[in-house]
Amino acid sequence: MKLSCLPVSLYPELTAKQRSLADWFHFAGALGLDGADVSVVHLESHQPVYLRMLRQQAADAGVQIAMLVTYADFTHPDAGERKRQVQEIQAFCEVAAQLGASFMRVTAGQAHPGVERADGITWAVEGLTACLERSSAAGITLCYENHTKGYAWTYNDFSQPADRFLEIVARTEGTSLKLLYDTANTLAAGDDPLAVLERVKHRVAMVHVNDIRQAGRFEPVLLGTGVAPLLEIFSILVQNGFDQWVSVEEASKTGEEGFRRAVPYAEQLWVKAGGKPRTR
């Protein structure tokens, strides 16, 4: 597998421009990572010259931008806004390609008040599948996540509880849409992460390894100090032949030391689960 990281703990600094994306790439390289994930909220421009600069900065730091993280809201009650969201995600496919990313995280959308389950699922499926042709043309794999709440979102993800996520997955079966499986989000919603993974493991193309303090509540903690069944999840993935990108979603708010502890922990746990040791 290859190891990347989504630096959620650094989001406040990146947003306030106290730390640049180049700084993040340098830190990721120093951590020995293969990749460094980027959120669209931290891009200063979508112009090719800027995106090429970021790609080069990552390469100079010894890492690849593995995944571009987006915040699609395909479940918005306004049809015009849903159309705009599709157009935005389609455009982000080109952005991801210019950054050199292979994957792009997509979400179903927010659980807007008043949106019925059946409508939300239909809109999510329509939105997700409407972006596949453009992503394929750009050479980007779209990965739908069992998500909790987007950065700057008002409401939690419509994909909770897990039966909604599973239905959206089932209704996109046979398409090129893949999955980004988060190790803690399903548990945070009070569902069984192992049972859900068993049903979707054949679609998983990338993993967010995350941990939470207790089931039924989204409170990220340092990897290995919470209740997410990380070893069991890794074991299921390894047994299913998964050997792709694993991204540490470091959101423990413990500073740079949290990254220095989480990254080797994830790598060691992968090997303990039977995965092949990483080579660089």
Protein backbone atom coordinates (compact mmCIF):
# COMPACT_ATOMS: atom_id res chain seq x y z
CA MET A 1 0.00 0.00 0.00
CA LYS A 2 0.89 3.65 -0.25
CA LEU A 3 0.45 5.99 2.70
CA SER A 4 -1.01 9.48 2.52
CA CYS A 5 -2.59 11.90 4.97
CA LEU A 6 -5.45 14.36 5.16
CA PRO A 7 -4.23 17.06 7.60
CA VAL A 8 -7.53 17.98 9.27
CA SER A 9 -5.73 19.14 12.42
CA LEU A 10 -3.92 21.71 10.30
CA TYR A 11 -7.06 23.07 8.63
CA PRO A 12 -7.33 26.15 10.88
CA GLU A 13 -3.72 27.10 10.09
CA LEU A 14 -4.15 26.45 6.37
CA THR A 15 -7.39 28.43 6.29
CA ALA A 16 -5.83 31.35 8.15
CA LYS A 17 -2.78 31.15 5.83
CA GLN A 18 -0.52 30.63 8.82
CA ARG A 19 0.71 27.55 6.98
CA SER A 20 0.82 27.12 3.20
CA LEU A 21 0.14 24.02 1.15
CA ALA A 22 3.85 24.00 0.33
CA ASP A 23 4.50 23.86 4.10
CA TRP A 24 2.10 20.93 4.33
CA PHE A 25 3.85 19.09 1.49
CA HIS A 26 7.22 19.63 3.17
CA PHE A 27 5.89 18.28 6.47
CA ALA A 28 4.32 15.29 4.71
CA GLY A 29 7.66 14.52 3.08
CA ALA A 30 9.42 14.79 6.43
CA LEU A 31 6.91 12.30 7.87
CA GLY A 32 7.98 9.82 5.19
CA LEU A 33 4.60 9.78 3.48
CA ASP A 34 4.09 8.81 -0.13
CA GLY A 35 1.21 11.23 -0.56
CA ALA A 36 -0.36 14.41 0.79
CA ASP A 37 -4.08 15.01 0.39
CA VAL A 38 -5.52 18.45 -0.33
CA SER A 39 -8.94 19.97 0.36
CA VAL A 40 -10.50 22.25 -2.23
CA VAL A 41 -11.15 24.84 0.48
CA HIS A 42 -7.41 25.51 0.68
CA LEU A 43 -6.85 26.12 -3.02
CA GLU A 44 -6.21 29.80 -3.74
CA SER A 45 -6.99 29.44 -7.44
CA HIS A 46 -8.11 26.93 -10.05
CA GLN A 47 -5.84 28.40 -12.71
CA PRO A 48 -3.52 25.88 -14.41
CA VAL A 49 -0.35 27.83 -13.59
CA TYR A 50 -1.19 27.76 -9.86
CA LEU A 51 -2.16 24.10 -9.89
CA ARG A 52 1.05 23.17 -11.72
CA MET A 53 2.98 25.08 -9.09
CA LEU A 54 1.34 23.07 -6.28
CA ARG A 55 2.03 19.83 -8.12
CA GLN A 56 5.69 20.77 -8.45
CA GLN A 57 5.90 21.84 -4.80
CA ALA A 58 4.59 18.43 -3.77
CA ALA A 59 7.06 16.65 -6.05
CA ASP A 60 9.92 18.76 -4.69
CA ALA A 61 8.90 17.66 -1.18
CA GLY A 62 8.96 14.02 -2.27
CA VAL A 63 5.22 13.38 -2.16
CA GLN A 64 2.33 13.04 -4.59
CA ILE A 65 -1.01 14.78 -4.19
CA ALA A 66 -2.94 11.53 -3.85
CA MET A 67 -6.47 12.82 -3.39
CA LEU A 68 -8.42 16.04 -3.80
CA VAL A 69 -11.15 16.35 -1.18
CA THR A 70 -14.43 17.94 -2.26
CA TYR A 71 -17.74 18.63 -0.49
CA ALA A 72 -20.51 17.84 -2.95
CA ASP A 73 -24.02 18.68 -1.73
CA PHE A 74 -26.14 16.66 -4.14
CA THR A 75 -28.98 16.41 -1.59
CA HIS A 76 -29.76 20.14 -1.52
CA PRO A 77 -33.54 20.69 -1.75
CA ASP A 78 -33.17 23.25 -4.55
CA ALA A 79 -32.87 21.67 -8.00
CA GLY A 80 -30.87 24.60 -9.33
CA GLU A 81 -28.32 24.24 -6.55
CA ARG A 82 -28.06 20.48 -7.18
CA LYS A 83 -27.26 21.23 -10.83
CA ARG A 84 -24.63 23.76 -9.76
CA GLN A 85 -23.08 21.19 -7.43
CA VAL A 86 -22.75 18.70 -10.30
CA GLN A 87 -21.09 21.33 -12.48
CA GLU A 88 -18.70 22.23 -9.68
CA ILE A 89 -17.64 18.63 -9.07
CA GLN A 90 -17.20 18.07 -12.80
CA ALA A 91 -14.89 21.10 -12.91
CA PHE A 92 -12.96 19.81 -9.90
CA CYS A 93 -12.14 16.65 -11.90
CA GLU A 94 -9.95 18.82 -14.13
CA VAL A 95 -8.42 20.50 -11.09
CA ALA A 96 -7.55 17.11 -9.58
CA ALA A 97 -5.99 15.96 -12.83
CA GLN A 98 -3.78 19.05 -13.06
CA LEU A 99 -2.66 18.51 -9.47
CA GLY A 100 -1.57 15.00 -10.41
CA ALA A 101 -4.09 13.36 -8.10
CA SER A 102 -5.51 9.95 -8.95
CA PHE A 103 -8.52 10.13 -6.64
CA MET A 104 -11.19 12.64 -5.69
CA ARG A 105 -13.39 12.36 -2.61
CA VAL A 106 -17.07 13.03 -3.18
CA THR A 107 -19.95 13.14 -0.73
CA ALA A 108 -23.69 12.62 -1.02
CA GLY A 109 -24.55 15.94 0.56
CA GLN A 110 -25.99 17.39 3.73
CA ALA A 111 -29.00 16.09 5.62
CA HIS A 112 -31.03 19.23 4.92
CA PRO A 113 -34.15 19.58 7.07
CA GLY A 114 -37.26 18.45 5.24
CA VAL A 115 -35.50 16.29 2.65
CA GLU A 116 -37.14 12.89 2.62
CA ARG A 117 -35.02 9.74 2.61
CA ALA A 118 -36.19 8.56 -0.82
CA ASP A 119 -35.64 11.97 -2.44
CA GLY A 120 -32.20 12.41 -0.89
CA ILE A 121 -31.03 9.01 -2.03
CA THR A 122 -32.31 9.59 -5.57
CA TRP A 123 -30.64 13.02 -5.76
CA ALA A 124 -27.38 11.64 -4.36
CA VAL A 125 -27.31 8.83 -6.92
CA GLU A 126 -28.14 11.24 -9.74
CA GLY A 127 -25.43 13.68 -8.67
CA LEU A 128 -22.72 11.12 -8.12
CA THR A 129 -23.31 9.32 -11.41
CA ALA A 130 -23.60 12.58 -13.36
CA CYS A 131 -19.93 13.25 -12.64
CA LEU A 132 -18.52 9.90 -13.72
CA GLU A 133 -18.10 10.60 -17.41
CA ARG A 134 -16.09 13.76 -16.72
CA SER A 135 -13.97 12.05 -14.04
CA SER A 136 -13.20 9.16 -16.36
CA ALA A 137 -12.16 11.54 -19.14
CA ALA A 138 -9.84 13.32 -16.69
CA GLY A 139 -8.33 10.06 -15.46
CA ILE A 140 -9.71 10.57 -11.94
CA THR A 141 -11.36 7.91 -9.77
CA LEU A 142 -14.34 9.32 -7.86
CA CYS A 143 -14.57 7.87 -4.36
CA TYR A 144 -17.84 8.26 -2.43
CA GLU A 145 -17.24 8.39 1.33
CA ASN A 146 -19.25 7.13 4.30
CA HIS A 147 -18.92 10.67 5.57
CA THR A 148 -19.84 12.53 8.79
CA LYS A 149 -19.83 16.30 8.23
CA GLY A 150 -18.10 18.47 5.65
CA TYR A 151 -15.78 21.30 6.58
CA ALA A 152 -17.97 24.43 6.85
CA TRP A 153 -21.17 22.39 6.40
CA THR A 154 -24.21 23.20 8.53
CA TYR A 155 -25.63 19.69 8.74
CA ASN A 156 -24.28 16.16 8.97
CA ASP A 157 -23.94 14.05 5.84
CA PHE A 158 -27.12 12.58 4.41
CA SER A 159 -25.28 9.24 4.17
CA GLN A 160 -25.96 8.61 7.86
CA PRO A 161 -27.31 6.26 9.10
CA ALA A 162 -25.51 3.47 7.28
CA ASP A 163 -28.62 2.10 5.56
CA ARG A 164 -28.67 5.25 3.42
CA PHE A 165 -25.01 4.86 2.52
CA LEU A 166 -25.55 1.21 1.64
CA GLU A 167 -28.54 1.97 -0.56
CA ILE A 168 -26.63 4.64 -2.47
CA VAL A 169 -23.78 2.16 -2.92
CA ALA A 170 -26.22 -0.50 -4.15
CA ARG A 171 -27.88 1.88 -6.60
CA THR A 172 -24.53 2.84 -8.11
CA GLU A 173 -23.36 -0.78 -8.46
CA GLY A 174 -21.93 -1.44 -11.91
CA THR A 175 -20.75 2.15 -12.41
CA SER A 176 -17.18 3.42 -12.15
CA LEU A 177 -17.95 5.07 -8.79
CA LYS A 178 -15.65 3.69 -6.09
CA LEU A 179 -15.61 4.14 -2.34
CA LEU A 180 -13.48 5.97 0.19
CA TYR A 181 -14.03 3.94 3.35
CA ASP A 182 -13.57 5.85 6.61
CA THR A 183 -12.72 3.63 9.58
CA ALA A 184 -14.58 5.71 12.20
CA ASN A 185 -17.47 7.61 10.60
CA THR A 186 -19.88 4.67 10.52
CA LEU A 187 -19.17 3.94 14.18
CA ALA A 188 -19.68 7.60 15.04
CA ALA A 189 -23.21 7.28 13.69
CA GLY A 190 -23.85 4.24 15.89
CA ASP A 191 -23.59 1.63 13.12
CA ASP A 192 -21.30 -1.40 12.84
CA PRO A 193 -18.26 -0.47 10.71
CA LEU A 194 -17.23 -4.09 10.17
CA ALA A 195 -20.65 -5.17 8.94
CA VAL A 196 -20.83 -2.21 6.58
CA LEU A 197 -17.33 -2.83 5.25
CA GLU A 198 -18.12 -6.49 4.54
CA ARG A 199 -20.94 -5.37 2.26
CA VAL A 200 -18.95 -2.76 0.33
CA LYS A 201 -15.34 -4.00 0.42
CA HIS A 202 -15.36 -4.88 -3.27
CA ARG A 203 -15.86 -1.19 -4.12
CA VAL A 204 -13.22 0.32 -1.80
CA ALA A 205 -10.48 2.15 -3.71
CA MET A 206 -9.04 4.27 -0.88
CA VAL A 207 -9.20 4.31 2.92
CA HIS A 208 -9.37 7.08 5.51
CA VAL A 209 -7.96 5.72 8.76
CA ASN A 210 -9.52 7.67 11.59
CA ASP A 211 -10.33 7.03 15.27
CA ILE A 212 -12.97 8.38 17.70
CA ARG A 213 -13.26 8.51 21.45
CA GLN A 214 -16.56 6.63 21.74
CA ALA A 215 -19.20 4.99 19.57
CA GLY A 216 -22.20 7.12 18.62
CA ARG A 217 -20.32 10.41 18.79
CA PHE A 218 -17.92 12.03 16.33
CA GLU A 219 -14.96 13.09 18.47
CA PRO A 220 -11.68 12.34 16.69
CA VAL A 221 -8.72 11.18 18.76
CA LEU A 222 -5.18 10.07 18.06
CA LEU A 223 -5.08 6.79 16.13
CA GLY A 224 -5.04 3.80 18.44
CA THR A 225 -6.40 5.65 21.47
CA GLY A 226 -10.08 5.38 20.54
CA VAL A 227 -12.65 2.68 19.87
CA ALA A 228 -12.55 2.25 16.07
CA PRO A 229 -11.73 -1.42 15.24
CA LEU A 230 -8.77 -0.45 13.07
CA LEU A 231 -6.96 -3.80 13.10
CA GLU A 232 -10.13 -5.69 12.19
CA ILE A 233 -10.89 -3.23 9.37
CA PHE A 234 -7.38 -3.51 7.98
CA SER A 235 -7.60 -7.30 8.20
CA ILE A 236 -10.81 -7.36 6.13
CA LEU A 237 -9.23 -5.12 3.52
CA VAL A 238 -6.01 -7.14 3.33
CA GLN A 239 -7.93 -10.41 3.03
CA ASN A 240 -9.93 -8.88 0.20
CA GLY A 241 -6.73 -8.03 -1.67
CA PHE A 242 -6.75 -4.28 -1.04
CA ASP A 243 -3.27 -2.83 -1.58
CA GLN A 244 -3.88 0.79 -2.55
CA TRP A 245 -3.78 4.21 -0.86
CA VAL A 246 -4.39 4.39 2.88
CA SER A 247 -4.77 7.97 4.06
CA VAL A 248 -4.37 8.91 7.72
CA GLU A 249 -7.10 11.43 8.55
CA GLU A 250 -5.29 13.17 11.37
CA ALA A 251 -7.90 15.18 13.25
CA SER A 252 -6.86 14.74 16.88
CA LYS A 253 -5.82 18.41 17.29
CA THR A 254 -2.60 17.37 19.00
CA GLY A 255 -0.28 19.39 16.78
CA GLU A 256 2.54 18.05 14.68
CA GLU A 257 3.26 15.40 17.30
CA GLY A 258 -0.10 13.82 16.51
CA PHE A 259 1.01 13.30 12.92
CA ARG A 260 4.36 11.90 14.02
CA ARG A 261 2.58 9.31 16.13
CA ALA A 262 -0.36 8.53 13.83
CA VAL A 263 1.55 7.90 10.60
CA PRO A 264 3.88 5.13 11.88
CA TYR A 265 1.03 3.64 13.91
CA ALA A 266 -1.11 3.23 10.79
CA GLU A 267 1.79 1.67 8.89
CA GLN A 268 2.62 -0.76 11.69
CA LEU A 269 -1.02 -1.73 12.10
CA TRP A 270 -1.30 -2.45 8.38
CA VAL A 271 1.60 -4.91 8.58
CA LYS A 272 0.14 -6.45 11.74
CA ALA A 273 -3.10 -7.04 9.82
CA GLY A 274 -1.17 -9.00 7.22
CA GLY A 275 -0.54 -6.24 4.71
CA LYS A 276 2.70 -5.97 2.77
CA PRO A 277 5.28 -3.62 4.27
CA ARG A 278 5.48 -0.29 2.48
CA THR A 279 8.48 0.41 0.28
CA ARG A 280 9.69 3.85 -0.76
